[in-house]
Amino acid sequence: MRFHDRTTLRIYDAPTEAFAAAGFDPAERLRATTFIDSFVIGTALNEAASKDLWEVDAELSGPFSESLKAGLESKNGAPDTFRWGQDMILAGSNS
């Protein structure tokens, strides 16, 4: 699939210009733009998914069950997760 729509191309062009100004080489610019695109689309899919998509049951591991219970209690899951991930990316950290 090829994008020919000027608005769509400009949406991708803008961050690529910023990555170039920050010193990213051409291949890194495309990787960074694709990474951000994947992160944003993944968050949008999570937000649009049915809230009962995940169900805790006895067959799941303890750590996964605990994580699901904690995450499913959040009223603002996808936006909170997006901000958390964004902070992690910008900090260059895994904490």
Protein backbone atom coordinates (compact mmCIF):
# COMPACT_ATOMS: atom_id res chain seq x y z
CA MET A 1 0.00 0.00 0.00
CA ARG A 2 1.25 3.45 -0.84
CA PHE A 3 0.20 6.70 0.74
CA HIS A 4 -0.44 9.56 -1.65
CA ASP A 5 -2.59 11.74 0.57
CA ARG A 6 -0.67 14.96 1.31
CA THR A 7 -2.11 15.29 4.83
CA THR A 8 -1.10 11.75 5.75
CA LEU A 9 2.39 12.23 4.32
CA ARG A 10 2.80 15.52 6.25
CA ILE A 11 1.83 13.74 9.48
CA TYR A 12 4.81 11.42 8.96
CA ASP A 13 7.05 14.13 7.52
CA ALA A 14 6.85 16.38 10.60
CA PRO A 15 8.37 13.98 13.16
CA THR A 16 10.94 12.82 10.61
CA GLU A 17 12.12 16.41 10.27
CA ALA A 18 12.45 16.60 14.05
CA PHE A 19 14.46 13.36 14.13
CA ALA A 20 16.75 14.73 11.40
CA ALA A 21 17.28 17.94 13.39
CA ALA A 22 18.12 15.80 16.44
CA GLY A 23 20.87 14.03 14.50
CA PHE A 24 19.19 10.72 13.65
CA ASP A 25 20.56 9.13 10.48
CA PRO A 26 18.04 8.35 7.70
CA ALA A 27 17.47 4.71 8.72
CA GLU A 28 17.04 5.70 12.38
CA ARG A 29 14.50 8.36 11.35
CA LEU A 30 12.33 5.76 9.65
CA ARG A 31 12.68 3.36 12.59
CA ALA A 32 11.74 6.08 15.07
CA THR A 33 8.76 7.23 13.01
CA THR A 34 7.56 3.64 12.57
CA PHE A 35 8.01 2.95 16.27
CA ILE A 36 5.93 5.97 17.26
CA ASP A 37 3.30 5.02 14.67
CA SER A 38 3.12 1.48 16.10
CA PHE A 39 2.89 2.79 19.65
CA VAL A 40 0.07 5.20 18.82
CA ILE A 41 -1.88 2.68 16.73
CA GLY A 42 -1.49 0.01 19.41
CA THR A 43 -2.81 2.39 22.03
CA ALA A 44 -5.78 3.29 19.82
CA LEU A 45 -6.58 -0.40 19.30
CA ASN A 46 -6.39 -1.00 23.05
CA GLU A 47 -8.72 1.90 23.70
CA ALA A 48 -11.21 0.66 21.10
CA ALA A 49 -11.14 -2.97 22.31
CA SER A 50 -13.99 -4.40 24.31
CA LYS A 51 -13.49 -3.82 28.03
CA ASP A 52 -14.29 -7.48 28.72
CA LEU A 53 -11.63 -8.73 26.31
CA TRP A 54 -9.44 -9.87 29.20
CA GLU A 55 -10.84 -12.26 31.76
CA VAL A 56 -9.04 -13.57 34.80
CA ASP A 57 -9.47 -17.29 35.39
CA ALA A 58 -7.81 -20.10 37.33
CA GLU A 59 -5.68 -21.23 34.36
CA LEU A 60 -3.67 -18.01 34.21
CA SER A 61 -0.42 -17.62 36.07
CA GLY A 62 -0.46 -15.73 39.36
CA PRO A 63 1.61 -12.80 38.08
CA PHE A 64 -0.56 -12.39 34.96
CA SER A 65 -3.78 -12.66 36.97
CA GLU A 66 -2.53 -10.04 39.45
CA SER A 67 -1.54 -7.73 36.58
CA LEU A 68 -4.89 -8.12 34.88
CA LYS A 69 -6.80 -7.44 38.08
CA ALA A 70 -4.77 -4.32 38.77
CA GLY A 71 -5.01 -3.08 35.20
CA LEU A 72 -8.69 -3.82 34.76
CA GLU A 73 -9.52 -1.72 37.81
CA SER A 74 -8.20 1.37 36.05
CA LYS A 75 -10.91 3.56 34.55
CA ASN A 76 -8.41 5.31 32.27
CA GLY A 77 -6.33 2.31 31.14
CA ALA A 78 -5.23 3.08 27.58
CA PRO A 79 -4.56 6.81 28.10
CA ASP A 80 -2.67 6.13 31.35
CA THR A 81 -0.66 3.37 29.71
CA PHE A 82 0.12 5.62 26.75
CA ARG A 83 1.42 8.37 29.03
CA TRP A 84 3.46 5.83 31.03
CA GLY A 85 4.97 4.43 27.82
CA GLN A 86 5.61 7.90 26.47
CA ASP A 87 7.45 8.84 29.65
CA MET A 88 9.50 5.64 29.41
CA ILE A 89 10.44 6.34 25.80
CA LEU A 90 11.42 9.93 26.50
CA ALA A 91 13.40 8.98 29.58
CA GLY A 92 15.16 6.15 27.75
CA SER A 93 14.54 3.97 30.79
CA ASN A 94 12.77 0.81 31.82
CA SER A 95 11.76 1.92 35.31
